[in-house]
């Protein structure tokens, strides 16, 4: 296997793991935290991250639909997750 193939396989595995982590985290968090943080609802984020994981599973992360799927998972992990966790802990900063 060439270096490019190994690199793309690693990128695929990383993107899929990231999307699955975002989905599991979205499902585990309480629904009231999403509303209190001013984000989309829990079912909406669960659906977005699940769709992202499915798209990444069937396509490469650098494809037409794969890149937006990776971006959706990253947005959840860097924006929504800290806000919901902050509400759970009782503070607004992360």
Protein backbone atom coordinates (compact mmCIF):
# COMPACT_ATOMS: atom_id res chain seq x y z
CA UNK A 1 0.00 0.00 0.00
CA UNK A 2 1.35 3.42 -0.91
CA UNK A 3 1.87 6.32 1.47
CA UNK A 4 -1.13 8.13 0.00
CA UNK A 5 -3.34 5.11 0.59
CA UNK A 6 -2.25 4.81 4.21
CA UNK A 7 -2.78 8.53 4.74
CA UNK A 8 -6.29 8.46 3.28
CA UNK A 9 -7.17 5.34 5.26
CA UNK A 10 -6.01 7.05 8.46
CA UNK A 11 -8.02 10.17 7.58
CA UNK A 12 -11.09 8.01 6.95
CA UNK A 13 -10.72 6.23 10.30
CA UNK A 14 -10.19 9.48 12.16
CA UNK A 15 -13.20 11.15 10.54
CA UNK A 16 -15.43 8.16 11.24
CA UNK A 17 -14.31 7.99 14.87
CA UNK A 18 -14.93 11.72 15.24
CA UNK A 19 -18.46 11.46 13.83
CA UNK A 20 -19.28 8.44 16.00
CA UNK A 21 -17.97 10.23 19.10
CA UNK A 22 -20.14 13.25 18.28
CA UNK A 23 -23.20 11.03 17.80
CA UNK A 24 -22.72 9.11 21.05
CA UNK A 25 -22.11 12.33 22.96
CA UNK A 26 -25.22 13.93 21.45
CA UNK A 27 -27.34 10.97 22.53
CA UNK A 28 -25.92 10.82 26.07
CA UNK A 29 -26.44 14.52 26.95
CA UNK A 30 -29.79 15.50 28.54
CA UNK A 31 -32.30 17.17 26.23
CA UNK A 32 -32.88 20.11 28.57
CA UNK A 33 -29.21 21.12 28.26
CA UNK A 34 -29.55 21.82 24.54
CA UNK A 35 -32.51 24.14 25.06
CA UNK A 36 -30.88 25.86 28.03
CA UNK A 37 -27.70 26.44 26.00
CA UNK A 38 -29.70 27.97 23.14
CA UNK A 39 -28.73 25.29 20.61
CA UNK A 40 -30.79 23.05 18.35
CA UNK A 41 -32.71 20.31 20.11
CA UNK A 42 -31.24 16.97 21.12
CA UNK A 43 -33.07 15.02 18.37
CA UNK A 44 -31.81 17.49 15.76
CA UNK A 45 -28.16 17.14 16.83
CA UNK A 46 -28.50 13.38 17.17
CA UNK A 47 -29.86 13.22 13.62
CA UNK A 48 -27.17 15.56 12.24
CA UNK A 49 -24.33 13.60 13.83
CA UNK A 50 -25.87 10.23 12.89
CA UNK A 51 -26.23 11.36 9.28
CA UNK A 52 -22.64 12.60 9.34
CA UNK A 53 -21.44 9.20 10.57
CA UNK A 54 -23.42 7.36 7.88
CA UNK A 55 -22.15 9.64 5.12
CA UNK A 56 -18.55 9.24 6.27
CA UNK A 57 -18.97 5.46 6.51
CA UNK A 58 -20.11 5.21 2.90
CA UNK A 59 -17.95 7.95 1.37
CA UNK A 60 -14.48 9.33 1.88
CA UNK A 61 -14.17 12.36 4.16
CA UNK A 62 -12.84 14.42 1.26
CA UNK A 63 -15.84 13.80 -1.00
CA UNK A 64 -18.65 16.19 -1.89
CA UNK A 65 -20.84 15.03 1.02
CA UNK A 66 -18.04 13.77 3.25
CA UNK A 67 -16.47 17.14 3.98
CA UNK A 68 -19.72 18.76 5.21
CA UNK A 69 -20.31 15.67 7.35
CA UNK A 70 -16.91 16.09 9.00
CA UNK A 71 -17.63 19.79 9.51
CA UNK A 72 -20.98 18.99 11.16
CA UNK A 73 -19.31 16.61 13.62
CA UNK A 74 -16.59 19.15 14.40
CA UNK A 75 -19.17 21.92 14.94
CA UNK A 76 -20.98 19.72 17.42
CA UNK A 77 -17.79 18.87 19.30
CA UNK A 78 -16.33 22.38 19.49
CA UNK A 79 -19.48 24.48 19.83
CA UNK A 80 -22.50 22.54 21.04
CA UNK A 81 -20.83 20.03 23.36
CA UNK A 82 -19.00 22.64 25.50
CA UNK A 83 -22.17 24.75 25.77
CA UNK A 84 -24.29 21.80 26.88
CA UNK A 85 -21.60 20.62 29.31
CA UNK A 86 -21.37 24.14 30.74
CA UNK A 87 -25.10 24.17 31.40
CA UNK A 88 -24.87 20.75 33.06
CA UNK A 89 -22.12 21.94 35.39
CA UNK A 90 -23.89 25.18 36.18
CA UNK A 91 -21.37 27.54 34.58
CA UNK A 92 -21.41 29.27 31.24
CA UNK A 93 -17.69 29.19 30.43
CA UNK A 94 -15.67 26.28 29.16
